[in-house]
Each structure stands twice: as structure tokens, then as C-alpha cells.
Amino acid sequence: MSYQLYRNTTLGHTLQESLDEQIQLGQISPNLALKVLLQFDKAINQALAQRVKTKISFKGKLNTYRFCDNVWTFVLNKVEFREAPVQELVKVDKVKIVACDGKSM
């Protein structure tokens, strides 16, 4: 099963809005829209796992963390990100990281 985390991105929201509009216009069924969303989940998870090769390191001050249903959630303050090998530095005030086990997909 693929995670549905990426439905909450700009791309995911846009897809859902388009599917909702097509359902309202009677162009597709709700069942077909659900199949499209499930395929989106699978494709985006697979693409990120196989195509993204950039490595980023980061450090910051841990504000809160939680582990629930095999999902880690971290909130960090004053975070610095570094991209290898360029060593470009980006600083942000606050970051929320949601981490899921990718091995079971």
C-alpha cells in the first residue's frame, strides 16, 4: 500500500479538485476518481523512491516528536539544511517532518 501523504501537496490538491469537478459534471464516477487517486499515490511514492537522488542533511532544535501508527512526526526549530555536494545552506525557523516506513511498499 502506498502512503497518501502527497495528496496534501499542491499537485495532490489540484488533482482532487479536478476529479471533484469532473464528478460534479457527470464526466466520471466517484469510483473512477478513487482509482485515479490510488494510482497517484502509487506513482508519486514510486517516483520519489526511484528518481530522487539528492542528499540533504539538516540540523536544528527538536521542539516535539511523536510516533503513532508506525509514523514519526518531528517539529524542529531553527533548522539548517545543506545539500551535498554543493554545501548550499538554507535556514528556516520551523519545519515539520513526517516520516513513514518505505520498505513495506
PDB file of N, CA and C in Angstrom:
ATOM      1  N   MET A   1       0.832  -1.191   0.000  1.00  0.00           N
ATOM      2  CA  MET A   1       0.000   0.000   0.000  1.00  0.00           C
ATOM      3  C   MET A   1       0.871   1.246   0.000  1.00  0.00           C
ATOM      4  N   SER A   2       0.512   2.234  -0.794  1.00  0.00           N
ATOM      5  CA  SER A   2       1.247   3.495  -0.870  1.00  0.00           C
ATOM      6  C   SER A   2       0.639   4.504   0.092  1.00  0.00           C
ATOM      7  N   TYR A   3       1.503   5.348   0.640  1.00  0.00           N
ATOM      8  CA  TYR A   3       1.037   6.380   1.549  1.00  0.00           C
ATOM      9  C   TYR A   3       0.297   7.471   0.786  1.00  0.00           C
ATOM     10  N   GLN A   4      -0.646   8.122   1.448  1.00  0.00           N
ATOM     11  CA  GLN A   4      -1.445   9.171   0.844  1.00  0.00           C
ATOM     12  C   GLN A   4      -0.946  10.561   1.231  1.00  0.00           C
ATOM     13  N   LEU A   5       0.278  10.649   1.760  1.00  0.00           N
ATOM     14  CA  LEU A   5       0.825  11.923   2.226  1.00  0.00           C
ATOM     15  C   LEU A   5       0.876  12.979   1.129  1.00  0.00           C
ATOM     16  N   TYR A   6       1.133  12.570  -0.090  1.00  0.00           N
ATOM     17  CA  TYR A   6       1.373  13.527  -1.167  1.00  0.00           C
ATOM     18  C   TYR A   6       0.078  14.082  -1.758  1.00  0.00           C
ATOM     19  N   ARG A   7      -1.072  13.614  -1.276  1.00  0.00           N
ATOM     20  CA  ARG A   7      -2.332  14.229  -1.675  1.00  0.00           C
ATOM     21  C   ARG A   7      -2.454  15.622  -1.069  1.00  0.00           C
ATOM     22  N   ASN A   8      -1.667  15.895  -0.034  1.00  0.00           N
ATOM     23  CA  ASN A   8      -1.721  17.189   0.640  1.00  0.00           C
ATOM     24  C   ASN A   8      -0.698  18.172   0.073  1.00  0.00           C
ATOM     25  N   THR A   9      -0.218  17.905  -1.151  1.00  0.00           N
ATOM     26  CA  THR A   9       0.680  18.820  -1.853  1.00  0.00           C
ATOM     27  C   THR A   9      -0.134  19.630  -2.850  1.00  0.00           C
ATOM     28  N   THR A  10       0.480  20.619  -3.463  1.00  0.00           N
ATOM     29  CA  THR A  10      -0.213  21.406  -4.482  1.00  0.00           C
ATOM     30  C   THR A  10      -0.690  20.511  -5.615  1.00  0.00           C
ATOM     31  N   LEU A  11       0.162  19.599  -6.049  1.00  0.00           N
ATOM     32  CA  LEU A  11      -0.213  18.671  -7.121  1.00  0.00           C
ATOM     33  C   LEU A  11      -1.380  17.781  -6.702  1.00  0.00           C
ATOM     34  N   GLY A  12      -1.335  17.260  -5.490  1.00  0.00           N
ATOM     35  CA  GLY A  12      -2.403  16.396  -4.990  1.00  0.00           C
ATOM     36  C   GLY A  12      -3.717  17.135  -4.849  1.00  0.00           C
ATOM     37  N   HIS A  13      -3.671  18.369  -4.307  1.00  0.00           N
ATOM     38  CA  HIS A  13      -4.889  19.173  -4.164  1.00  0.00           C
ATOM     39  C   HIS A  13      -5.497  19.485  -5.526  1.00  0.00           C
ATOM     40  N   THR A  14      -4.647  19.837  -6.474  1.00  0.00           N
ATOM     41  CA  THR A  14      -5.130  20.166  -7.816  1.00  0.00           C
ATOM     42  C   THR A  14      -5.783  18.957  -8.467  1.00  0.00           C
ATOM     43  N   LEU A  15      -5.182  17.793  -8.312  1.00  0.00           N
ATOM     44  CA  LEU A  15      -5.768  16.572  -8.854  1.00  0.00           C
ATOM     45  C   LEU A  15      -7.138  16.308  -8.228  1.00  0.00           C
ATOM     46  N   GLN A  16      -7.228  16.418  -6.911  1.00  0.00           N
ATOM     47  CA  GLN A  16      -8.505  16.175  -6.236  1.00  0.00           C
ATOM     48  C   GLN A  16      -9.575  17.177  -6.666  1.00  0.00           C
ATOM     49  N   GLU A  17      -9.203  18.448  -6.826  1.00  0.00           N
ATOM     50  CA  GLU A  17     -10.159  19.449  -7.279  1.00  0.00           C
ATOM     51  C   GLU A  17     -10.651  19.138  -8.693  1.00  0.00           C
ATOM     52  N   SER A  18      -9.742  18.726  -9.565  1.00  0.00           N
ATOM     53  CA  SER A  18     -10.116  18.379 -10.939  1.00  0.00           C
ATOM     54  C   SER A  18     -11.043  17.172 -10.965  1.00  0.00           C
ATOM     55  N   LEU A  19     -10.735  16.182 -10.151  1.00  0.00           N
ATOM     56  CA  LEU A  19     -11.590  14.988 -10.094  1.00  0.00           C
ATOM     57  C   LEU A  19     -12.975  15.331  -9.540  1.00  0.00           C
ATOM     58  N   ASP A  20     -13.014  16.168  -8.493  1.00  0.00           N
ATOM     59  CA  ASP A  20     -14.303  16.590  -7.932  1.00  0.00           C
ATOM     60  C   ASP A  20     -15.151  17.316  -8.971  1.00  0.00           C
ATOM     61  N   GLU A  21     -14.511  18.181  -9.749  1.00  0.00           N
ATOM     62  CA  GLU A  21     -15.230  18.917 -10.790  1.00  0.00           C
ATOM     63  C   GLU A  21     -15.780  17.963 -11.852  1.00  0.00           C
ATOM     64  N   GLN A  22     -14.974  16.982 -12.243  1.00  0.00           N
ATOM     65  CA  GLN A  22     -15.426  16.020 -13.251  1.00  0.00           C
ATOM     66  C   GLN A  22     -16.566  15.150 -12.722  1.00  0.00           C
ATOM     67  N   ILE A  23     -16.541  14.833 -11.433  1.00  0.00           N
ATOM     68  CA  ILE A  23     -17.643  14.070 -10.828  1.00  0.00           C
ATOM     69  C   ILE A  23     -18.914  14.914 -10.855  1.00  0.00           C
ATOM     70  N   GLN A  24     -18.811  16.189 -10.458  1.00  0.00           N
ATOM     71  CA  GLN A  24     -19.980  17.078 -10.427  1.00  0.00           C
ATOM     72  C   GLN A  24     -20.583  17.279 -11.813  1.00  0.00           C
ATOM     73  N   LEU A  25     -19.735  17.287 -12.839  1.00  0.00           N
ATOM     74  CA  LEU A  25     -20.223  17.450 -14.209  1.00  0.00           C
ATOM     75  C   LEU A  25     -20.714  16.132 -14.811  1.00  0.00           C
ATOM     76  N   GLY A  26     -20.575  15.047 -14.062  1.00  0.00           N
ATOM     77  CA  GLY A  26     -21.025  13.745 -14.534  1.00  0.00           C
ATOM     78  C   GLY A  26     -20.112  13.105 -15.567  1.00  0.00           C
ATOM     79  N   GLN A  27     -18.864  13.591 -15.654  1.00  0.00           N
ATOM     80  CA  GLN A  27     -17.923  13.070 -16.636  1.00  0.00           C
ATOM     81  C   GLN A  27     -17.253  11.777 -16.178  1.00  0.00           C
ATOM     82  N   ILE A  28     -17.084  11.615 -14.874  1.00  0.00           N
ATOM     83  CA  ILE A  28     -16.510  10.379 -14.322  1.00  0.00           C
ATOM     84  C   ILE A  28     -17.301   9.988 -13.076  1.00  0.00           C
ATOM     85  N   SER A  29     -17.162   8.743 -12.694  1.00  0.00           N
ATOM     86  CA  SER A  29     -17.834   8.256 -11.493  1.00  0.00           C
ATOM     87  C   SER A  29     -16.926   8.460 -10.275  1.00  0.00           C
ATOM     88  N   PRO A  30     -17.504   8.515  -9.074  1.00  0.00           N
ATOM     89  CA  PRO A  30     -16.675   8.602  -7.860  1.00  0.00           C
ATOM     90  C   PRO A  30     -15.721   7.416  -7.730  1.00  0.00           C
ATOM     91  N   ASN A  31     -16.136   6.256  -8.212  1.00  0.00           N
ATOM     92  CA  ASN A  31     -15.293   5.063  -8.160  1.00  0.00           C
ATOM     93  C   ASN A  31     -14.044   5.251  -9.033  1.00  0.00           C
ATOM     94  N   LEU A  32     -14.225   5.823 -10.218  1.00  0.00           N
ATOM     95  CA  LEU A  32     -13.077   6.072 -11.098  1.00  0.00           C
ATOM     96  C   LEU A  32     -12.152   7.114 -10.474  1.00  0.00           C
ATOM     97  N   ALA A  33     -12.710   8.147  -9.852  1.00  0.00           N
ATOM     98  CA  ALA A  33     -11.901   9.166  -9.190  1.00  0.00           C
ATOM     99  C   ALA A  33     -11.045   8.552  -8.082  1.00  0.00           C
ATOM    100  N   LEU A  34     -11.624   7.636  -7.330  1.00  0.00           N
ATOM    101  CA  LEU A  34     -10.872   6.956  -6.277  1.00  0.00           C
ATOM    102  C   LEU A  34      -9.735   6.128  -6.869  1.00  0.00           C
ATOM    103  N   LYS A  35      -9.988   5.458  -7.973  1.00  0.00           N
ATOM    104  CA  LYS A  35      -8.931   4.674  -8.644  1.00  0.00           C
ATOM    105  C   LYS A  35      -7.801   5.581  -9.119  1.00  0.00           C
ATOM    106  N   VAL A  36      -8.151   6.758  -9.626  1.00  0.00           N
ATOM    107  CA  VAL A  36      -7.128   7.717 -10.070  1.00  0.00           C
ATOM    108  C   VAL A  36      -6.282   8.171  -8.882  1.00  0.00           C
ATOM    109  N   LEU A  37      -6.920   8.485  -7.767  1.00  0.00           N
ATOM    110  CA  LEU A  37      -6.178   8.907  -6.576  1.00  0.00           C
ATOM    111  C   LEU A  37      -5.264   7.798  -6.061  1.00  0.00           C
ATOM    112  N   LEU A  38      -5.722   6.571  -6.079  1.00  0.00           N
ATOM    113  CA  LEU A  38      -4.887   5.448  -5.640  1.00  0.00           C
ATOM    114  C   LEU A  38      -3.685   5.266  -6.570  1.00  0.00           C
ATOM    115  N   GLN A  39      -3.896   5.464  -7.867  1.00  0.00           N
ATOM    116  CA  GLN A  39      -2.789   5.373  -8.822  1.00  0.00           C
ATOM    117  C   GLN A  39      -1.803   6.525  -8.610  1.00  0.00           C
ATOM    118  N   PHE A  40      -2.328   7.720  -8.305  1.00  0.00           N
ATOM    119  CA  PHE A  40      -1.474   8.863  -7.985  1.00  0.00           C
ATOM    120  C   PHE A  40      -0.593   8.544  -6.778  1.00  0.00           C
ATOM    121  N   ASP A  41      -1.206   7.992  -5.716  1.00  0.00           N
ATOM    122  CA  ASP A  41      -0.444   7.623  -4.514  1.00  0.00           C
ATOM    123  C   ASP A  41       0.694   6.680  -4.861  1.00  0.00           C
ATOM    124  N   LYS A  42       0.385   5.662  -5.634  1.00  0.00           N
ATOM    125  CA  LYS A  42       1.385   4.661  -6.011  1.00  0.00           C
ATOM    126  C   LYS A  42       2.488   5.284  -6.867  1.00  0.00           C
ATOM    127  N   ALA A  43       2.100   6.080  -7.856  1.00  0.00           N
ATOM    128  CA  ALA A  43       3.069   6.655  -8.786  1.00  0.00           C
ATOM    129  C   ALA A  43       3.987   7.662  -8.107  1.00  0.00           C
ATOM    130  N   ILE A  44       3.446   8.530  -7.258  1.00  0.00           N
ATOM    131  CA  ILE A  44       4.269   9.560  -6.618  1.00  0.00           C
ATOM    132  C   ILE A  44       5.238   8.926  -5.616  1.00  0.00           C
ATOM    133  N   ASN A  45       4.784   7.930  -4.881  1.00  0.00           N
ATOM    134  CA  ASN A  45       5.675   7.225  -3.950  1.00  0.00           C
ATOM    135  C   ASN A  45       6.790   6.516  -4.705  1.00  0.00           C
ATOM    136  N   GLN A  46       6.449   5.862  -5.797  1.00  0.00           N
ATOM    137  CA  GLN A  46       7.444   5.132  -6.594  1.00  0.00           C
ATOM    138  C   GLN A  46       8.440   6.103  -7.237  1.00  0.00           C
ATOM    139  N   ALA A  47       7.952   7.201  -7.789  1.00  0.00           N
ATOM    140  CA  ALA A  47       8.836   8.174  -8.434  1.00  0.00           C
ATOM    141  C   ALA A  47       9.814   8.785  -7.443  1.00  0.00           C
ATOM    142  N   LEU A  48       9.327   9.142  -6.274  1.00  0.00           N
ATOM    143  CA  LEU A  48      10.224   9.728  -5.273  1.00  0.00           C
ATOM    144  C   LEU A  48      11.256   8.716  -4.781  1.00  0.00           C
ATOM    145  N   ALA A  49      10.856   7.471  -4.667  1.00  0.00           N
ATOM    146  CA  ALA A  49      11.784   6.439  -4.193  1.00  0.00           C
ATOM    147  C   ALA A  49      12.861   6.116  -5.228  1.00  0.00           C
ATOM    148  N   GLN A  50      12.508   6.160  -6.504  1.00  0.00           N
ATOM    149  CA  GLN A  50      13.434   5.706  -7.543  1.00  0.00           C
ATOM    150  C   GLN A  50      14.186   6.832  -8.256  1.00  0.00           C
ATOM    151  N   ARG A  51      13.615   8.012  -8.331  1.00  0.00           N
ATOM    152  CA  ARG A  51      14.197   9.059  -9.172  1.00  0.00           C
ATOM    153  C   ARG A  51      14.939  10.145  -8.420  1.00  0.00           C
ATOM    154  N   VAL A  52      14.614  10.362  -7.166  1.00  0.00           N
ATOM    155  CA  VAL A  52      15.261  11.435  -6.410  1.00  0.00           C
ATOM    156  C   VAL A  52      16.566  10.917  -5.825  1.00  0.00           C
ATOM    157  N   LYS A  53      17.666  11.559  -6.197  1.00  0.00           N
ATOM    158  CA  LYS A  53      18.989  11.111  -5.759  1.00  0.00           C
ATOM    159  C   LYS A  53      19.712  12.146  -4.897  1.00  0.00           C
ATOM    160  N   THR A  54      19.138  13.323  -4.755  1.00  0.00           N
ATOM    161  CA  THR A  54      19.770  14.383  -3.981  1.00  0.00           C
ATOM    162  C   THR A  54      19.778  14.036  -2.505  1.00  0.00           C
ATOM    163  N   LYS A  55      20.880  14.309  -1.845  1.00  0.00           N
ATOM    164  CA  LYS A  55      21.001  14.064  -0.414  1.00  0.00           C
ATOM    165  C   LYS A  55      21.035  15.404   0.314  1.00  0.00           C
ATOM    166  N   ILE A  56      20.256  15.479   1.368  1.00  0.00           N
ATOM    167  CA  ILE A  56      20.176  16.698   2.184  1.00  0.00           C
ATOM    168  C   ILE A  56      20.468  16.319   3.631  1.00  0.00           C
ATOM    169  N   SER A  57      21.276  17.111   4.282  1.00  0.00           N
ATOM    170  CA  SER A  57      21.463  16.934   5.724  1.00  0.00           C
ATOM    171  C   SER A  57      20.877  18.159   6.417  1.00  0.00           C
ATOM    172  N   PHE A  58      20.439  17.967   7.642  1.00  0.00           N
ATOM    173  CA  PHE A  58      19.845  19.083   8.360  1.00  0.00           C
ATOM    174  C   PHE A  58      20.126  18.945   9.846  1.00  0.00           C
ATOM    175  N   LYS A  59      20.078  20.088  10.523  1.00  0.00           N
ATOM    176  CA  LYS A  59      20.189  20.092  11.979  1.00  0.00           C
ATOM    177  C   LYS A  59      19.359  21.247  12.497  1.00  0.00           C
ATOM    178  N   GLY A  60      18.837  21.055  13.692  1.00  0.00           N
ATOM    179  CA  GLY A  60      18.012  22.077  14.313  1.00  0.00           C
ATOM    180  C   GLY A  60      17.681  21.683  15.735  1.00  0.00           C
ATOM    181  N   LYS A  61      16.860  22.483  16.361  1.00  0.00           N
ATOM    182  CA  LYS A  61      16.457  22.219  17.735  1.00  0.00           C
ATOM    183  C   LYS A  61      15.115  21.485  17.726  1.00  0.00           C
ATOM    184  N   LEU A  62      15.085  20.297  18.329  1.00  0.00           N
ATOM    185  CA  LEU A  62      13.872  19.490  18.361  1.00  0.00           C
ATOM    186  C   LEU A  62      12.852  20.111  19.308  1.00  0.00           C
ATOM    187  N   ASN A  63      11.691  20.442  18.770  1.00  0.00           N
ATOM    188  CA  ASN A  63      10.611  21.017  19.557  1.00  0.00           C
ATOM    189  C   ASN A  63       9.727  19.907  20.112  1.00  0.00           C
ATOM    190  N   THR A  64       9.127  19.100  19.211  1.00  0.00           N
ATOM    191  CA  THR A  64       8.289  17.971  19.635  1.00  0.00           C
ATOM    192  C   THR A  64       8.504  16.796  18.694  1.00  0.00           C
ATOM    193  N   TYR A  65       8.173  15.609  19.178  1.00  0.00           N
ATOM    194  CA  TYR A  65       8.194  14.424  18.330  1.00  0.00           C
ATOM    195  C   TYR A  65       7.086  13.483  18.774  1.00  0.00           C
ATOM    196  N   ARG A  66       6.669  12.621  17.836  1.00  0.00           N
ATOM    197  CA  ARG A  66       5.595  11.668  18.129  1.00  0.00           C
ATOM    198  C   ARG A  66       5.776  10.455  17.231  1.00  0.00           C
ATOM    199  N   PHE A  67       5.466   9.281  17.767  1.00  0.00           N
ATOM    200  CA  PHE A  67       5.461   8.043  16.990  1.00  0.00           C
ATOM    201  C   PHE A  67       4.104   7.386  17.188  1.00  0.00           C
ATOM    202  N   CYS A  68       3.316   7.309  16.129  1.00  0.00           N
ATOM    203  CA  CYS A  68       1.977   6.757  16.205  1.00  0.00           C
ATOM    204  C   CYS A  68       1.664   6.023  14.908  1.00  0.00           C
ATOM    205  N   ASP A  69       1.150   4.814  15.016  1.00  0.00           N
ATOM    206  CA  ASP A  69       0.784   4.001  13.851  1.00  0.00           C
ATOM    207  C   ASP A  69       1.928   3.875  12.851  1.00  0.00           C
ATOM    208  N   ASN A  70       3.127   3.659  13.357  1.00  0.00           N
ATOM    209  CA  ASN A  70       4.317   3.452  12.529  1.00  0.00           C
ATOM    210  C   ASN A  70       4.719   4.702  11.740  1.00  0.00           C
ATOM    211  N   VAL A  71       4.328   5.882  12.209  1.00  0.00           N
ATOM    212  CA  VAL A  71       4.664   7.140  11.563  1.00  0.00           C
ATOM    213  C   VAL A  71       5.316   8.067  12.587  1.00  0.00           C
ATOM    214  N   TRP A  72       6.510   8.558  12.248  1.00  0.00           N
ATOM    215  CA  TRP A  72       7.199   9.531  13.084  1.00  0.00           C
ATOM    216  C   TRP A  72       6.835  10.932  12.620  1.00  0.00           C
ATOM    217  N   THR A  73       6.577  11.831  13.567  1.00  0.00           N
ATOM    218  CA  THR A  73       6.356  13.245  13.277  1.00  0.00           C
ATOM    219  C   THR A  73       7.300  14.050  14.159  1.00  0.00           C
ATOM    220  N   PHE A  74       8.084  14.910  13.521  1.00  0.00           N
ATOM    221  CA  PHE A  74       9.035  15.761  14.229  1.00  0.00           C
ATOM    222  C   PHE A  74       8.734  17.213  13.899  1.00  0.00           C
ATOM    223  N   VAL A  75       8.826  18.081  14.898  1.00  0.00           N
ATOM    224  CA  VAL A  75       8.759  19.523  14.672  1.00  0.00           C
ATOM    225  C   VAL A  75      10.080  20.091  15.186  1.00  0.00           C
ATOM    226  N   LEU A  76      10.805  20.774  14.289  1.00  0.00           N
ATOM    227  CA  LEU A  76      12.103  21.337  14.629  1.00  0.00           C
ATOM    228  C   LEU A  76      12.084  22.847  14.448  1.00  0.00           C
ATOM    229  N   ASN A  77      12.858  23.535  15.278  1.00  0.00           N
ATOM    230  CA  ASN A  77      13.017  24.990  15.184  1.00  0.00           C
ATOM    231  C   ASN A  77      14.444  25.319  14.775  1.00  0.00           C
ATOM    232  N   LYS A  78      14.602  26.499  14.144  1.00  0.00           N
ATOM    233  CA  LYS A  78      15.927  26.989  13.732  1.00  0.00           C
ATOM    234  C   LYS A  78      16.709  25.908  12.992  1.00  0.00           C
ATOM    235  N   VAL A  79      16.189  25.497  11.860  1.00  0.00           N
ATOM    236  CA  VAL A  79      16.750  24.377  11.102  1.00  0.00           C
ATOM    237  C   VAL A  79      17.654  24.880   9.984  1.00  0.00           C
ATOM    238  N   GLU A  80      18.781  24.188   9.815  1.00  0.00           N
ATOM    239  CA  GLU A  80      19.707  24.452   8.719  1.00  0.00           C
ATOM    240  C   GLU A  80      19.749  23.228   7.814  1.00  0.00           C
ATOM    241  N   PHE A  81      19.520  23.446   6.522  1.00  0.00           N
ATOM    242  CA  PHE A  81      19.594  22.375   5.527  1.00  0.00           C
ATOM    243  C   PHE A  81      20.832  22.573   4.669  1.00  0.00           C
ATOM    244  N   ARG A  82      21.533  21.467   4.387  1.00  0.00           N
ATOM    245  CA  ARG A  82      22.703  21.502   3.498  1.00  0.00           C
ATOM    246  C   ARG A  82      22.523  20.431   2.425  1.00  0.00           C
ATOM    247  N   GLU A  83      22.733  20.848   1.170  1.00  0.00           N
ATOM    248  CA  GLU A  83      22.643  19.915   0.048  1.00  0.00           C
ATOM    249  C   GLU A  83      24.052  19.483  -0.326  1.00  0.00           C
ATOM    250  N   ALA A  84      24.252  18.157  -0.432  1.00  0.00           N
ATOM    251  CA  ALA A  84      25.562  17.637  -0.829  1.00  0.00           C
ATOM    252  C   ALA A  84      25.568  17.454  -2.343  1.00  0.00           C
ATOM    253  N   PRO A  85      26.631  17.658  -3.017  1.00  0.00           N
ATOM    254  CA  PRO A  85      27.960  18.095  -2.571  1.00  0.00           C
ATOM    255  C   PRO A  85      28.132  19.606  -2.601  1.00  0.00           C
ATOM    256  N   VAL A  86      27.106  20.355  -2.987  1.00  0.00           N
ATOM    257  CA  VAL A  86      27.204  21.804  -3.166  1.00  0.00           C
ATOM    258  C   VAL A  86      27.470  22.521  -1.854  1.00  0.00           C
ATOM    259  N   GLN A  87      26.956  22.001  -0.768  1.00  0.00           N
ATOM    260  CA  GLN A  87      27.073  22.607   0.566  1.00  0.00           C
ATOM    261  C   GLN A  87      26.347  23.952   0.651  1.00  0.00           C
ATOM    262  N   GLU A  88      25.309  24.124  -0.165  1.00  0.00           N
ATOM    263  CA  GLU A  88      24.479  25.326  -0.064  1.00  0.00           C
ATOM    264  C   GLU A  88      23.689  25.255   1.242  1.00  0.00           C
ATOM    265  N   LEU A  89      23.607  26.344   1.954  1.00  0.00           N
ATOM    266  CA  LEU A  89      22.957  26.393   3.262  1.00  0.00           C
ATOM    267  C   LEU A  89      21.641  27.153   3.169  1.00  0.00           C
ATOM    268  N   VAL A  90      20.568  26.544   3.705  1.00  0.00           N
ATOM    269  CA  VAL A  90      19.263  27.191   3.783  1.00  0.00           C
ATOM    270  C   VAL A  90      18.813  27.121   5.233  1.00  0.00           C
ATOM    271  N   LYS A  91      18.372  28.269   5.779  1.00  0.00           N
ATOM    272  CA  LYS A  91      17.919  28.318   7.165  1.00  0.00           C
ATOM    273  C   LYS A  91      16.425  28.628   7.194  1.00  0.00           C
ATOM    274  N   VAL A  92      15.697  27.921   8.064  1.00  0.00           N
ATOM    275  CA  VAL A  92      14.268  28.173   8.251  1.00  0.00           C
ATOM    276  C   VAL A  92      13.959  28.182   9.743  1.00  0.00           C
ATOM    277  N   ASP A  93      12.879  28.872  10.101  1.00  0.00           N
ATOM    278  CA  ASP A  93      12.513  28.992  11.512  1.00  0.00           C
ATOM    279  C   ASP A  93      11.893  27.715  12.066  1.00  0.00           C
ATOM    280  N   LYS A  94      11.032  27.056  11.273  1.00  0.00           N
ATOM    281  CA  LYS A  94      10.298  25.898  11.782  1.00  0.00           C
ATOM    282  C   LYS A  94      10.038  24.899  10.653  1.00  0.00           C
ATOM    283  N   VAL A  95      10.181  23.600  10.971  1.00  0.00           N
ATOM    284  CA  VAL A  95       9.952  22.527   9.991  1.00  0.00           C
ATOM    285  C   VAL A  95       9.187  21.400  10.662  1.00  0.00           C
ATOM    286  N   LYS A  96       8.227  20.855   9.939  1.00  0.00           N
ATOM    287  CA  LYS A  96       7.526  19.642  10.388  1.00  0.00           C
ATOM    288  C   LYS A  96       7.898  18.516   9.436  1.00  0.00           C
ATOM    289  N   ILE A  97       8.395  17.421   9.985  1.00  0.00           N
ATOM    290  CA  ILE A  97       8.808  16.265   9.191  1.00  0.00           C
ATOM    291  C   ILE A  97       7.915  15.086   9.556  1.00  0.00           C
ATOM    292  N   VAL A  98       7.342  14.457   8.538  1.00  0.00           N
ATOM    293  CA  VAL A  98       6.533  13.255   8.723  1.00  0.00           C
ATOM    294  C   VAL A  98       7.273  12.129   8.015  1.00  0.00           C
ATOM    295  N   ALA A  99       7.642  11.086   8.748  1.00  0.00           N
ATOM    296  CA  ALA A  99       8.443  10.005   8.188  1.00  0.00           C
ATOM    297  C   ALA A  99       7.709   8.677   8.340  1.00  0.00           C
ATOM    298  N   CYS A 100       7.573   7.967   7.226  1.00  0.00           N
ATOM    299  CA  CYS A 100       6.880   6.671   7.199  1.00  0.00           C
ATOM    300  C   CYS A 100       7.836   5.600   6.703  1.00  0.00           C
ATOM    301  N   ASP A 101       7.597   4.380   7.080  1.00  0.00           N
ATOM    302  CA  ASP A 101       8.408   3.255   6.653  1.00  0.00           C
ATOM    303  C   ASP A 101       8.170   3.003   5.175  1.00  0.00           C
ATOM    304  N   GLY A 102       9.210   3.149   4.364  1.00  0.00           N
ATOM    305  CA  GLY A 102       9.069   2.956   2.925  1.00  0.00           C
ATOM    306  C   GLY A 102       9.370   1.553   2.464  1.00  0.00           C
ATOM    307  N   LYS A 103       9.808   0.665   3.323  1.00  0.00           N
ATOM    308  CA  LYS A 103      10.197  -0.677   2.913  1.00  0.00           C
ATOM    309  C   LYS A 103       9.027  -1.586   2.624  1.00  0.00           C
ATOM    310  N   SER A 104       7.861  -1.302   3.205  1.00  0.00           N
ATOM    311  CA  SER A 104       6.726  -2.209   3.045  1.00  0.00           C
ATOM    312  C   SER A 104       5.929  -1.954   1.768  1.00  0.00           C
ATOM    313  N   MET A 105       6.365  -1.000   0.941  1.00  0.00           N
ATOM    314  CA  MET A 105       5.615  -0.675  -0.279  1.00  0.00           C
ATOM    315  C   MET A 105       5.982  -1.591  -1.399  1.00  0.00           C
TER     316      MET A 105
END
